[in-house]
Amino acid sequence: MSLMLFGIPNCDTVKKARTWLEAQGLAYTFHDFKKQGAPLEALDSWIGEVGWEVLVNRSGTTWRKLDEAIRASVVDALSAKALMLAHPSVIKRPVVDWGNAAPRRLTVGFKPELFAPQVRP
């Protein structure tokens, strides 16, 4: 499986991640949450690997704009998945699926020190 980067193109953190990947000479496929939505087939896997608590960005604009009742209803993996499908912008970005060759298959967010171990031989 090739490297997949999931996010929103105008997100500053996604831009930094893309720049970093390109500087390393790494090819990737970009999945745009705004155009393609949250990947239903991947959400269960992501939740299983990193936990729904990591994926739901509770400090972002999308979360803050949600009705208080909606925010209060996110209490477990099932309710978090429903929220992420309805509001993909609430997913912390970027989500990177490094494929089978990396030490960790999935990372959430961007920091060079988070990405660097994924590309070392």
PDB file of N, CA and C in Angstrom:
ATOM      1  N   MET A   1       0.852  -1.186   0.000  1.00  0.00           N
ATOM      2  CA  MET A   1       0.000   0.000   0.000  1.00  0.00           C
ATOM      3  C   MET A   1       0.890   1.239   0.000  1.00  0.00           C
ATOM      4  N   SER A   2       0.509   2.233  -0.787  1.00  0.00           N
ATOM      5  CA  SER A   2       1.281   3.467  -0.855  1.00  0.00           C
ATOM      6  C   SER A   2       0.875   4.419   0.263  1.00  0.00           C
ATOM      7  N   LEU A   3       1.703   5.407   0.477  1.00  0.00           N
ATOM      8  CA  LEU A   3       1.469   6.407   1.509  1.00  0.00           C
ATOM      9  C   LEU A   3       0.225   7.234   1.165  1.00  0.00           C
ATOM     10  N   MET A   4      -0.666   7.368   2.136  1.00  0.00           N
ATOM     11  CA  MET A   4      -1.898   8.150   1.958  1.00  0.00           C
ATOM     12  C   MET A   4      -1.922   9.260   3.003  1.00  0.00           C
ATOM     13  N   LEU A   5      -2.172  10.481   2.548  1.00  0.00           N
ATOM     14  CA  LEU A   5      -2.310  11.622   3.449  1.00  0.00           C
ATOM     15  C   LEU A   5      -3.753  12.110   3.370  1.00  0.00           C
ATOM     16  N   PHE A   6      -4.406  12.180   4.520  1.00  0.00           N
ATOM     17  CA  PHE A   6      -5.803  12.595   4.598  1.00  0.00           C
ATOM     18  C   PHE A   6      -5.866  13.953   5.282  1.00  0.00           C
ATOM     19  N   GLY A   7      -6.635  14.879   4.716  1.00  0.00           N
ATOM     20  CA  GLY A   7      -6.764  16.183   5.339  1.00  0.00           C
ATOM     21  C   GLY A   7      -7.543  17.151   4.477  1.00  0.00           C
ATOM     22  N   ILE A   8      -7.279  18.416   4.712  1.00  0.00           N
ATOM     23  CA  ILE A   8      -7.930  19.513   3.995  1.00  0.00           C
ATOM     24  C   ILE A   8      -6.814  20.369   3.398  1.00  0.00           C
ATOM     25  N   PRO A   9      -6.869  20.665   2.101  1.00  0.00           N
ATOM     26  CA  PRO A   9      -5.737  21.326   1.450  1.00  0.00           C
ATOM     27  C   PRO A   9      -5.357  22.690   2.030  1.00  0.00           C
ATOM     28  N   ASN A  10      -6.309  23.447   2.553  1.00  0.00           N
ATOM     29  CA  ASN A  10      -5.971  24.778   3.059  1.00  0.00           C
ATOM     30  C   ASN A  10      -5.614  24.790   4.544  1.00  0.00           C
ATOM     31  N   CYS A  11      -5.557  23.628   5.177  1.00  0.00           N
ATOM     32  CA  CYS A  11      -5.167  23.513   6.582  1.00  0.00           C
ATOM     33  C   CYS A  11      -3.656  23.734   6.695  1.00  0.00           C
ATOM     34  N   ASP A  12      -3.234  24.649   7.562  1.00  0.00           N
ATOM     35  CA  ASP A  12      -1.811  24.953   7.709  1.00  0.00           C
ATOM     36  C   ASP A  12      -0.989  23.725   8.100  1.00  0.00           C
ATOM     37  N   THR A  13      -1.521  22.899   8.981  1.00  0.00           N
ATOM     38  CA  THR A  13      -0.790  21.713   9.417  1.00  0.00           C
ATOM     39  C   THR A  13      -0.651  20.713   8.270  1.00  0.00           C
ATOM     40  N   VAL A  14      -1.678  20.576   7.472  1.00  0.00           N
ATOM     41  CA  VAL A  14      -1.606  19.690   6.301  1.00  0.00           C
ATOM     42  C   VAL A  14      -0.588  20.238   5.309  1.00  0.00           C
ATOM     43  N   LYS A  15      -0.571  21.545   5.118  1.00  0.00           N
ATOM     44  CA  LYS A  15       0.410  22.150   4.208  1.00  0.00           C
ATOM     45  C   LYS A  15       1.833  21.857   4.672  1.00  0.00           C
ATOM     46  N   LYS A  16       2.077  21.968   5.970  1.00  0.00           N
ATOM     47  CA  LYS A  16       3.412  21.678   6.511  1.00  0.00           C
ATOM     48  C   LYS A  16       3.776  20.217   6.289  1.00  0.00           C
ATOM     49  N   ALA A  17       2.817  19.333   6.503  1.00  0.00           N
ATOM     50  CA  ALA A  17       3.064  17.907   6.311  1.00  0.00           C
ATOM     51  C   ALA A  17       3.377  17.607   4.848  1.00  0.00           C
ATOM     52  N   ARG A  18       2.623  18.189   3.956  1.00  0.00           N
ATOM     53  CA  ARG A  18       2.853  17.955   2.525  1.00  0.00           C
ATOM     54  C   ARG A  18       4.229  18.467   2.104  1.00  0.00           C
ATOM     55  N   THR A  19       4.588  19.635   2.598  1.00  0.00           N
ATOM     56  CA  THR A  19       5.903  20.202   2.288  1.00  0.00           C
ATOM     57  C   THR A  19       7.008  19.288   2.805  1.00  0.00           C
ATOM     58  N   TRP A  20       6.843  18.774   4.023  1.00  0.00           N
ATOM     59  CA  TRP A  20       7.839  17.880   4.611  1.00  0.00           C
ATOM     60  C   TRP A  20       7.976  16.611   3.778  1.00  0.00           C
ATOM     61  N   LEU A  21       6.855  16.000   3.419  1.00  0.00           N
ATOM     62  CA  LEU A  21       6.887  14.768   2.624  1.00  0.00           C
ATOM     63  C   LEU A  21       7.570  15.001   1.273  1.00  0.00           C
ATOM     64  N   GLU A  22       7.236  16.115   0.639  1.00  0.00           N
ATOM     65  CA  GLU A  22       7.830  16.428  -0.664  1.00  0.00           C
ATOM     66  C   GLU A  22       9.332  16.676  -0.529  1.00  0.00           C
ATOM     67  N   ALA A  23       9.752  17.326   0.557  1.00  0.00           N
ATOM     68  CA  ALA A  23      11.182  17.568   0.789  1.00  0.00           C
ATOM     69  C   ALA A  23      11.943  16.260   1.000  1.00  0.00           C
ATOM     70  N   GLN A  24      11.261  15.245   1.490  1.00  0.00           N
ATOM     71  CA  GLN A  24      11.882  13.927   1.677  1.00  0.00           C
ATOM     72  C   GLN A  24      11.830  13.084   0.406  1.00  0.00           C
ATOM     73  N   GLY A  25      11.177  13.616  -0.619  1.00  0.00           N
ATOM     74  CA  GLY A  25      11.050  12.884  -1.873  1.00  0.00           C
ATOM     75  C   GLY A  25      10.046  11.742  -1.806  1.00  0.00           C
ATOM     76  N   LEU A  26       9.082  11.860  -0.907  1.00  0.00           N
ATOM     77  CA  LEU A  26       8.089  10.803  -0.717  1.00  0.00           C
ATOM     78  C   LEU A  26       6.824  11.084  -1.528  1.00  0.00           C
ATOM     79  N   ALA A  27       6.453  10.132  -2.342  1.00  0.00           N
ATOM     80  CA  ALA A  27       5.210  10.241  -3.104  1.00  0.00           C
ATOM     81  C   ALA A  27       4.056   9.832  -2.191  1.00  0.00           C
ATOM     82  N   TYR A  28       2.930  10.492  -2.359  1.00  0.00           N
ATOM     83  CA  TYR A  28       1.754  10.164  -1.553  1.00  0.00           C
ATOM     84  C   TYR A  28       0.499  10.458  -2.356  1.00  0.00           C
ATOM     85  N   THR A  29      -0.579   9.842  -1.928  1.00  0.00           N
ATOM     86  CA  THR A  29      -1.894  10.133  -2.477  1.00  0.00           C
ATOM     87  C   THR A  29      -2.620  10.975  -1.444  1.00  0.00           C
ATOM     88  N   PHE A  30      -3.258  12.056  -1.902  1.00  0.00           N
ATOM     89  CA  PHE A  30      -3.959  12.961  -0.992  1.00  0.00           C
ATOM     90  C   PHE A  30      -5.461  12.697  -1.050  1.00  0.00           C
ATOM     91  N   HIS A  31      -6.057  12.534   0.123  1.00  0.00           N
ATOM     92  CA  HIS A  31      -7.508  12.366   0.251  1.00  0.00           C
ATOM     93  C   HIS A  31      -8.047  13.629   0.902  1.00  0.00           C
ATOM     94  N   ASP A  32      -8.852  14.375   0.165  1.00  0.00           N
ATOM     95  CA  ASP A  32      -9.400  15.657   0.613  1.00  0.00           C
ATOM     96  C   ASP A  32     -10.721  15.428   1.348  1.00  0.00           C
ATOM     97  N   PHE A  33     -10.717  15.669   2.670  1.00  0.00           N
ATOM     98  CA  PHE A  33     -11.937  15.509   3.452  1.00  0.00           C
ATOM     99  C   PHE A  33     -13.068  16.385   2.943  1.00  0.00           C
ATOM    100  N   LYS A  34     -12.759  17.576   2.457  1.00  0.00           N
ATOM    101  CA  LYS A  34     -13.812  18.487   1.981  1.00  0.00           C
ATOM    102  C   LYS A  34     -14.506  17.947   0.736  1.00  0.00           C
ATOM    103  N   LYS A  35     -13.734  17.361  -0.165  1.00  0.00           N
ATOM    104  CA  LYS A  35     -14.294  16.866  -1.415  1.00  0.00           C
ATOM    105  C   LYS A  35     -14.744  15.412  -1.338  1.00  0.00           C
ATOM    106  N   GLN A  36     -13.995  14.598  -0.575  1.00  0.00           N
ATOM    107  CA  GLN A  36     -14.249  13.158  -0.569  1.00  0.00           C
ATOM    108  C   GLN A  36     -14.860  12.647   0.730  1.00  0.00           C
ATOM    109  N   GLY A  37     -14.951  13.518   1.725  1.00  0.00           N
ATOM    110  CA  GLY A  37     -15.504  13.107   3.008  1.00  0.00           C
ATOM    111  C   GLY A  37     -14.546  12.226   3.794  1.00  0.00           C
ATOM    112  N   ALA A  38     -14.996  11.816   4.953  1.00  0.00           N
ATOM    113  CA  ALA A  38     -14.213  10.894   5.769  1.00  0.00           C
ATOM    114  C   ALA A  38     -14.312   9.508   5.142  1.00  0.00           C
ATOM    115  N   PRO A  39     -13.224   8.768   5.084  1.00  0.00           N
ATOM    116  CA  PRO A  39     -13.246   7.451   4.451  1.00  0.00           C
ATOM    117  C   PRO A  39     -13.889   6.406   5.364  1.00  0.00           C
ATOM    118  N   LEU A  40     -15.122   6.116   5.101  1.00  0.00           N
ATOM    119  CA  LEU A  40     -15.892   5.179   5.911  1.00  0.00           C
ATOM    120  C   LEU A  40     -15.132   3.886   6.161  1.00  0.00           C
ATOM    121  N   GLU A  41     -14.533   3.349   5.108  1.00  0.00           N
ATOM    122  CA  GLU A  41     -13.841   2.072   5.226  1.00  0.00           C
ATOM    123  C   GLU A  41     -12.599   2.144   6.107  1.00  0.00           C
ATOM    124  N   ALA A  42     -12.049   3.337   6.317  1.00  0.00           N
ATOM    125  CA  ALA A  42     -10.830   3.478   7.124  1.00  0.00           C
ATOM    126  C   ALA A  42     -11.105   3.879   8.574  1.00  0.00           C
ATOM    127  N   LEU A  43     -12.234   4.501   8.843  1.00  0.00           N
ATOM    128  CA  LEU A  43     -12.474   5.034  10.196  1.00  0.00           C
ATOM    129  C   LEU A  43     -12.388   3.975  11.289  1.00  0.00           C
ATOM    130  N   ASP A  44     -12.971   2.815  11.072  1.00  0.00           N
ATOM    131  CA  ASP A  44     -12.901   1.768  12.093  1.00  0.00           C
ATOM    132  C   ASP A  44     -11.459   1.365  12.369  1.00  0.00           C
ATOM    133  N   SER A  45     -10.679   1.249  11.309  1.00  0.00           N
ATOM    134  CA  SER A  45      -9.271   0.894  11.450  1.00  0.00           C
ATOM    135  C   SER A  45      -8.521   1.983  12.225  1.00  0.00           C
ATOM    136  N   TRP A  46      -8.763   3.239  11.870  1.00  0.00           N
ATOM    137  CA  TRP A  46      -8.105   4.350  12.564  1.00  0.00           C
ATOM    138  C   TRP A  46      -8.466   4.360  14.045  1.00  0.00           C
ATOM    139  N   ILE A  47      -9.751   4.204  14.319  1.00  0.00           N
ATOM    140  CA  ILE A  47     -10.212   4.196  15.708  1.00  0.00           C
ATOM    141  C   ILE A  47      -9.549   3.048  16.470  1.00  0.00           C
ATOM    142  N   GLY A  48      -9.453   1.891  15.830  1.00  0.00           N
ATOM    143  CA  GLY A  48      -8.810   0.751  16.463  1.00  0.00           C
ATOM    144  C   GLY A  48      -7.330   0.966  16.717  1.00  0.00           C
ATOM    145  N   GLU A  49      -6.675   1.687  15.825  1.00  0.00           N
ATOM    146  CA  GLU A  49      -5.227   1.873  15.944  1.00  0.00           C
ATOM    147  C   GLU A  49      -4.832   2.997  16.897  1.00  0.00           C
ATOM    148  N   VAL A  50      -5.505   4.162  16.803  1.00  0.00           N
ATOM    149  CA  VAL A  50      -5.080   5.302  17.628  1.00  0.00           C
ATOM    150  C   VAL A  50      -6.133   5.748  18.635  1.00  0.00           C
ATOM    151  N   GLY A  51      -7.363   5.273  18.493  1.00  0.00           N
ATOM    152  CA  GLY A  51      -8.438   5.665  19.401  1.00  0.00           C
ATOM    153  C   GLY A  51      -9.205   6.883  18.901  1.00  0.00           C
ATOM    154  N   TRP A  52     -10.501   6.881  19.149  1.00  0.00           N
ATOM    155  CA  TRP A  52     -11.345   7.980  18.683  1.00  0.00           C
ATOM    156  C   TRP A  52     -10.978   9.292  19.362  1.00  0.00           C
ATOM    157  N   GLU A  53     -10.472   9.220  20.583  1.00  0.00           N
ATOM    158  CA  GLU A  53     -10.116  10.428  21.330  1.00  0.00           C
ATOM    159  C   GLU A  53      -9.001  11.212  20.633  1.00  0.00           C
ATOM    160  N   VAL A  54      -8.089  10.499  19.980  1.00  0.00           N
ATOM    161  CA  VAL A  54      -6.997  11.141  19.243  1.00  0.00           C
ATOM    162  C   VAL A  54      -7.516  11.755  17.951  1.00  0.00           C
ATOM    163  N   LEU A  55      -8.458  11.104  17.310  1.00  0.00           N
ATOM    164  CA  LEU A  55      -8.952  11.543  16.005  1.00  0.00           C
ATOM    165  C   LEU A  55      -9.869  12.755  16.067  1.00  0.00           C
ATOM    166  N   VAL A  56     -10.654  12.876  17.123  1.00  0.00           N
ATOM    167  CA  VAL A  56     -11.591  14.004  17.217  1.00  0.00           C
ATOM    168  C   VAL A  56     -10.832  15.222  17.748  1.00  0.00           C
ATOM    169  N   ASN A  57     -10.751  16.250  16.920  1.00  0.00           N
ATOM    170  CA  ASN A  57     -10.026  17.468  17.274  1.00  0.00           C
ATOM    171  C   ASN A  57     -10.946  18.400  18.063  1.00  0.00           C
ATOM    172  N   ARG A  58     -10.844  18.323  19.364  1.00  0.00           N
ATOM    173  CA  ARG A  58     -11.704  19.125  20.235  1.00  0.00           C
ATOM    174  C   ARG A  58     -11.222  20.550  20.412  1.00  0.00           C
ATOM    175  N   SER A  59     -10.101  20.903  19.803  1.00  0.00           N
ATOM    176  CA  SER A  59      -9.626  22.280  19.910  1.00  0.00           C
ATOM    177  C   SER A  59      -9.807  23.050  18.603  1.00  0.00           C
ATOM    178  N   GLY A  60     -10.349  22.404  17.596  1.00  0.00           N
ATOM    179  CA  GLY A  60     -10.505  23.037  16.290  1.00  0.00           C
ATOM    180  C   GLY A  60     -11.782  23.844  16.138  1.00  0.00           C
ATOM    181  N   THR A  61     -11.804  24.632  15.094  1.00  0.00           N
ATOM    182  CA  THR A  61     -12.949  25.492  14.786  1.00  0.00           C
ATOM    183  C   THR A  61     -14.224  24.688  14.567  1.00  0.00           C
ATOM    184  N   THR A  62     -14.130  23.580  13.858  1.00  0.00           N
ATOM    185  CA  THR A  62     -15.324  22.780  13.564  1.00  0.00           C
ATOM    186  C   THR A  62     -15.968  22.306  14.856  1.00  0.00           C
ATOM    187  N   TRP A  63     -15.159  21.800  15.787  1.00  0.00           N
ATOM    188  CA  TRP A  63     -15.682  21.335  17.077  1.00  0.00           C
ATOM    189  C   TRP A  63     -16.368  22.476  17.820  1.00  0.00           C
ATOM    190  N   ARG A  64     -15.711  23.623  17.883  1.00  0.00           N
ATOM    191  CA  ARG A  64     -16.260  24.763  18.633  1.00  0.00           C
ATOM    192  C   ARG A  64     -17.567  25.271  18.033  1.00  0.00           C
ATOM    193  N   LYS A  65     -17.747  25.109  16.726  1.00  0.00           N
ATOM    194  CA  LYS A  65     -18.971  25.574  16.071  1.00  0.00           C
ATOM    195  C   LYS A  65     -20.140  24.605  16.225  1.00  0.00           C
ATOM    196  N   LEU A  66     -19.858  23.388  16.660  1.00  0.00           N
ATOM    197  CA  LEU A  66     -20.931  22.408  16.832  1.00  0.00           C
ATOM    198  C   LEU A  66     -21.821  22.788  18.004  1.00  0.00           C
ATOM    199  N   ASP A  67     -23.077  22.435  17.906  1.00  0.00           N
ATOM    200  CA  ASP A  67     -24.016  22.638  18.997  1.00  0.00           C
ATOM    201  C   ASP A  67     -23.521  21.879  20.232  1.00  0.00           C
ATOM    202  N   GLU A  68     -23.734  22.453  21.393  1.00  0.00           N
ATOM    203  CA  GLU A  68     -23.290  21.835  22.640  1.00  0.00           C
ATOM    204  C   GLU A  68     -23.851  20.428  22.814  1.00  0.00           C
ATOM    205  N   ALA A  69     -25.082  20.209  22.403  1.00  0.00           N
ATOM    206  CA  ALA A  69     -25.689  18.883  22.526  1.00  0.00           C
ATOM    207  C   ALA A  69     -24.953  17.856  21.660  1.00  0.00           C
ATOM    208  N   ILE A  70     -24.518  18.263  20.492  1.00  0.00           N
ATOM    209  CA  ILE A  70     -23.760  17.358  19.619  1.00  0.00           C
ATOM    210  C   ILE A  70     -22.420  17.037  20.260  1.00  0.00           C
ATOM    211  N   ARG A  71     -21.734  18.063  20.752  1.00  0.00           N
ATOM    212  CA  ARG A  71     -20.440  17.822  21.403  1.00  0.00           C
ATOM    213  C   ARG A  71     -20.599  16.886  22.598  1.00  0.00           C
ATOM    214  N   ALA A  72     -21.641  17.096  23.387  1.00  0.00           N
ATOM    215  CA  ALA A  72     -21.864  16.265  24.574  1.00  0.00           C
ATOM    216  C   ALA A  72     -22.204  14.825  24.220  1.00  0.00           C
ATOM    217  N   SER A  73     -22.716  14.607  23.003  1.00  0.00           N
ATOM    218  CA  SER A  73     -23.122  13.253  22.605  1.00  0.00           C
ATOM    219  C   SER A  73     -21.949  12.377  22.159  1.00  0.00           C
ATOM    220  N   VAL A  74     -20.778  12.973  21.992  1.00  0.00           N
ATOM    221  CA  VAL A  74     -19.609  12.205  21.545  1.00  0.00           C
ATOM    222  C   VAL A  74     -18.936  11.601  22.778  1.00  0.00           C
ATOM    223  N   VAL A  75     -19.286  10.334  23.040  1.00  0.00           N
ATOM    224  CA  VAL A  75     -18.852   9.694  24.277  1.00  0.00           C
ATOM    225  C   VAL A  75     -18.143   8.352  24.055  1.00  0.00           C
ATOM    226  N   ASP A  76     -18.158   7.865  22.822  1.00  0.00           N
ATOM    227  CA  ASP A  76     -17.539   6.570  22.549  1.00  0.00           C
ATOM    228  C   ASP A  76     -17.180   6.485  21.070  1.00  0.00           C
ATOM    229  N   ALA A  77     -16.615   5.355  20.680  1.00  0.00           N
ATOM    230  CA  ALA A  77     -16.166   5.185  19.296  1.00  0.00           C
ATOM    231  C   ALA A  77     -17.307   5.307  18.292  1.00  0.00           C
ATOM    232  N   LEU A  78     -18.458   4.751  18.609  1.00  0.00           N
ATOM    233  CA  LEU A  78     -19.590   4.792  17.687  1.00  0.00           C
ATOM    234  C   LEU A  78     -20.084   6.223  17.462  1.00  0.00           C
ATOM    235  N   SER A  79     -20.250   6.976  18.539  1.00  0.00           N
ATOM    236  CA  SER A  79     -20.718   8.362  18.392  1.00  0.00           C
ATOM    237  C   SER A  79     -19.646   9.238  17.741  1.00  0.00           C
ATOM    238  N   ALA A  80     -18.377   8.968  18.024  1.00  0.00           N
ATOM    239  CA  ALA A  80     -17.299   9.726  17.391  1.00  0.00           C
ATOM    240  C   ALA A  80     -17.246   9.446  15.894  1.00  0.00           C
ATOM    241  N   LYS A  81     -17.431   8.190  15.516  1.00  0.00           N
ATOM    242  CA  LYS A  81     -17.431   7.824  14.096  1.00  0.00           C
ATOM    243  C   LYS A  81     -18.570   8.535  13.371  1.00  0.00           C
ATOM    244  N   ALA A  82     -19.749   8.546  13.964  1.00  0.00           N
ATOM    245  CA  ALA A  82     -20.894   9.230  13.348  1.00  0.00           C
ATOM    246  C   ALA A  82     -20.589  10.716  13.160  1.00  0.00           C
ATOM    247  N   LEU A  83     -19.966  11.334  14.159  1.00  0.00           N
ATOM    248  CA  LEU A  83     -19.601  12.750  14.062  1.00  0.00           C
ATOM    249  C   LEU A  83     -18.584  12.970  12.939  1.00  0.00           C
ATOM    250  N   MET A  84     -17.562  12.122  12.871  1.00  0.00           N
ATOM    251  CA  MET A  84     -16.523  12.285  11.852  1.00  0.00           C
ATOM    252  C   MET A  84     -17.068  12.084  10.448  1.00  0.00           C
ATOM    253  N   LEU A  85     -18.038  11.200  10.295  1.00  0.00           N
ATOM    254  CA  LEU A  85     -18.667  11.016   8.984  1.00  0.00           C
ATOM    255  C   LEU A  85     -19.513  12.227   8.610  1.00  0.00           C
ATOM    256  N   ALA A  86     -20.218  12.795   9.578  1.00  0.00           N
ATOM    257  CA  ALA A  86     -21.079  13.951   9.314  1.00  0.00           C
ATOM    258  C   ALA A  86     -20.281  15.246   9.167  1.00  0.00           C
ATOM    259  N   HIS A  87     -19.169  15.344   9.898  1.00  0.00           N
ATOM    260  CA  HIS A  87     -18.351  16.570   9.920  1.00  0.00           C
ATOM    261  C   HIS A  87     -16.872  16.178   9.802  1.00  0.00           C
ATOM    262  N   PRO A  88     -16.409  15.804   8.615  1.00  0.00           N
ATOM    263  CA  PRO A  88     -15.027  15.333   8.474  1.00  0.00           C
ATOM    264  C   PRO A  88     -13.977  16.347   8.924  1.00  0.00           C
ATOM    265  N   SER A  89     -14.325  17.628   8.924  1.00  0.00           N
ATOM    266  CA  SER A  89     -13.363  18.649   9.353  1.00  0.00           C
ATOM    267  C   SER A  89     -13.040  18.557  10.836  1.00  0.00           C
ATOM    268  N   VAL A  90     -13.792  17.774  11.587  1.00  0.00           N
ATOM    269  CA  VAL A  90     -13.525  17.616  13.016  1.00  0.00           C
ATOM    270  C   VAL A  90     -12.385  16.625  13.260  1.00  0.00           C
ATOM    271  N   ILE A  91     -11.953  15.911  12.226  1.00  0.00           N
ATOM    272  CA  ILE A  91     -10.856  14.955  12.367  1.00  0.00           C
ATOM    273  C   ILE A  91      -9.539  15.724  12.451  1.00  0.00           C
ATOM    274  N   LYS A  92      -8.731  15.367  13.448  1.00  0.00           N
ATOM    275  CA  LYS A  92      -7.422  15.997  13.590  1.00  0.00           C
ATOM    276  C   LYS A  92      -6.601  15.685  12.352  1.00  0.00           C
ATOM    277  N   ARG A  93      -5.897  16.697  11.856  1.00  0.00           N
ATOM    278  CA  ARG A  93      -5.190  16.563  10.586  1.00  0.00           C
ATOM    279  C   ARG A  93      -3.703  16.836  10.742  1.00  0.00           C
ATOM    280  N   PRO A  94      -2.958  16.255   9.813  1.00  0.00           N
ATOM    281  CA  PRO A  94      -3.332  15.230   8.856  1.00  0.00           C
ATOM    282  C   PRO A  94      -3.339  13.845   9.494  1.00  0.00           C
ATOM    283  N   VAL A  95      -4.056  12.956   8.855  1.00  0.00           N
ATOM    284  CA  VAL A  95      -3.957  11.539   9.175  1.00  0.00           C
ATOM    285  C   VAL A  95      -3.113  10.951   8.045  1.00  0.00           C
ATOM    286  N   VAL A  96      -2.053  10.239   8.399  1.00  0.00           N
ATOM    287  CA  VAL A  96      -1.186   9.643   7.387  1.00  0.00           C
ATOM    288  C   VAL A  96      -1.146   8.141   7.609  1.00  0.00           C
ATOM    289  N   ASP A  97      -1.509   7.425   6.558  1.00  0.00           N
ATOM    290  CA  ASP A  97      -1.366   5.979   6.541  1.00  0.00           C
ATOM    291  C   ASP A  97      -0.076   5.705   5.784  1.00  0.00           C
ATOM    292  N   TRP A  98       0.928   5.247   6.517  1.00  0.00           N
ATOM    293  CA  TRP A  98       2.268   5.041   5.967  1.00  0.00           C
ATOM    294  C   TRP A  98       2.399   3.731   5.199  1.00  0.00           C
ATOM    295  N   GLY A  99       1.354   2.936   5.172  1.00  0.00           N
ATOM    296  CA  GLY A  99       1.438   1.656   4.477  1.00  0.00           C
ATOM    297  C   GLY A  99       2.146   0.622   5.331  1.00  0.00           C
ATOM    298  N   ASN A 100       2.500  -0.464   4.733  1.00  0.00           N
ATOM    299  CA  ASN A 100       3.057  -1.588   5.478  1.00  0.00           C
ATOM    300  C   ASN A 100       4.545  -1.462   5.788  1.00  0.00           C
ATOM    301  N   ALA A 101       5.254  -0.535   5.174  1.00  0.00           N
ATOM    302  CA  ALA A 101       6.706  -0.464   5.321  1.00  0.00           C
ATOM    303  C   ALA A 101       7.167   0.341   6.538  1.00  0.00           C
ATOM    304  N   ALA A 102       6.294   1.071   7.180  1.00  0.00           N
ATOM    305  CA  ALA A 102       6.703   1.963   8.262  1.00  0.00           C
ATOM    306  C   ALA A 102       6.596   1.273   9.621  1.00  0.00           C
ATOM    307  N   PRO A 103       7.359   1.777  10.614  1.00  0.00           N
ATOM    308  CA  PRO A 103       7.247   1.225  11.968  1.00  0.00           C
ATOM    309  C   PRO A 103       5.836   1.376  12.554  1.00  0.00           C
ATOM    310  N   ARG A 104       5.240   2.534  12.369  1.00  0.00           N
ATOM    311  CA  ARG A 104       3.851   2.764  12.763  1.00  0.00           C
ATOM    312  C   ARG A 104       3.063   2.971  11.497  1.00  0.00           C
ATOM    313  N   ARG A 105       1.958   2.310  11.380  1.00  0.00           N
ATOM    314  CA  ARG A 105       1.170   2.402  10.153  1.00  0.00           C
ATOM    315  C   ARG A 105       0.436   3.737  10.041  1.00  0.00           C
ATOM    316  N   LEU A 106       0.030   4.328  11.175  1.00  0.00           N
ATOM    317  CA  LEU A 106      -0.811   5.517  11.149  1.00  0.00           C
ATOM    318  C   LEU A 106      -0.260   6.587  12.089  1.00  0.00           C
ATOM    319  N   THR A 107      -0.237   7.836  11.592  1.00  0.00           N
ATOM    320  CA  THR A 107       0.080   8.966  12.459  1.00  0.00           C
ATOM    321  C   THR A 107      -1.026  10.002  12.307  1.00  0.00           C
ATOM    322  N   VAL A 108      -1.229  10.769  13.367  1.00  0.00           N
ATOM    323  CA  VAL A 108      -2.253  11.816  13.377  1.00  0.00           C
ATOM    324  C   VAL A 108      -1.585  13.103  13.831  1.00  0.00           C
ATOM    325  N   GLY A 109      -1.770  14.167  13.044  1.00  0.00           N
ATOM    326  CA  GLY A 109      -1.112  15.429  13.327  1.00  0.00           C
ATOM    327  C   GLY A 109       0.228  15.473  12.610  1.00  0.00           C
ATOM    328  N   PHE A 110       0.922  16.611  12.739  1.00  0.00           N
ATOM    329  CA  PHE A 110       2.232  16.725  12.106  1.00  0.00           C
ATOM    330  C   PHE A 110       3.228  17.414  13.026  1.00  0.00           C
ATOM    331  N   LYS A 111       4.345  16.763  13.164  1.00  0.00           N
ATOM    332  CA  LYS A 111       5.566  17.309  13.727  1.00  0.00           C
ATOM    333  C   LYS A 111       6.675  16.538  13.021  1.00  0.00           C
ATOM    334  N   PRO A 112       7.744  17.205  12.626  1.00  0.00           N
ATOM    335  CA  PRO A 112       8.817  16.479  11.939  1.00  0.00           C
ATOM    336  C   PRO A 112       9.300  15.256  12.726  1.00  0.00           C
ATOM    337  N   GLU A 113       9.376  15.377  14.040  1.00  0.00           N
ATOM    338  CA  GLU A 113       9.848  14.246  14.847  1.00  0.00           C
ATOM    339  C   GLU A 113       8.857  13.085  14.863  1.00  0.00           C
ATOM    340  N   LEU A 114       7.606  13.351  14.544  1.00  0.00           N
ATOM    341  CA  LEU A 114       6.600  12.286  14.419  1.00  0.00           C
ATOM    342  C   LEU A 114       6.742  11.571  13.073  1.00  0.00           C
ATOM    343  N   PHE A 115       7.046  12.329  12.033  1.00  0.00           N
ATOM    344  CA  PHE A 115       7.149  11.767  10.692  1.00  0.00           C
ATOM    345  C   PHE A 115       8.499  11.102  10.431  1.00  0.00           C
ATOM    346  N   ALA A 116       9.583  11.665  10.937  1.00  0.00           N
ATOM    347  CA  ALA A 116      10.937  11.198  10.606  1.00  0.00           C
ATOM    348  C   ALA A 116      11.142   9.703  10.850  1.00  0.00           C
ATOM    349  N   PRO A 117      10.707   9.128  11.982  1.00  0.00           N
ATOM    350  CA  PRO A 117      10.942   7.694  12.182  1.00  0.00           C
ATOM    351  C   PRO A 117      10.232   6.816  11.141  1.00  0.00           C
ATOM    352  N   GLN A 118       9.230   7.348  10.482  1.00  0.00           N
ATOM    353  CA  GLN A 118       8.482   6.566   9.496  1.00  0.00           C
ATOM    354  C   GLN A 118       9.271   6.356   8.208  1.00  0.00           C
ATOM    355  N   VAL A 119      10.253   7.200   7.941  1.00  0.00           N
ATOM    356  CA  VAL A 119      10.960   7.130   6.668  1.00  0.00           C
ATOM    357  C   VAL A 119      12.404   6.670   6.815  1.00  0.00           C
ATOM    358  N   ARG A 120      12.850   6.436   8.019  1.00  0.00           N
ATOM    359  CA  ARG A 120      14.215   5.946   8.211  1.00  0.00           C
ATOM    360  C   ARG A 120      14.298   4.487   7.797  1.00  0.00           C
ATOM    361  N   PRO A 121      15.437   4.091   7.193  1.00  0.00           N
ATOM    362  CA  PRO A 121      15.595   2.684   6.777  1.00  0.00           C
ATOM    363  C   PRO A 121      15.673   1.747   7.959  1.00  0.00           C
TER     364      PRO A 121
END
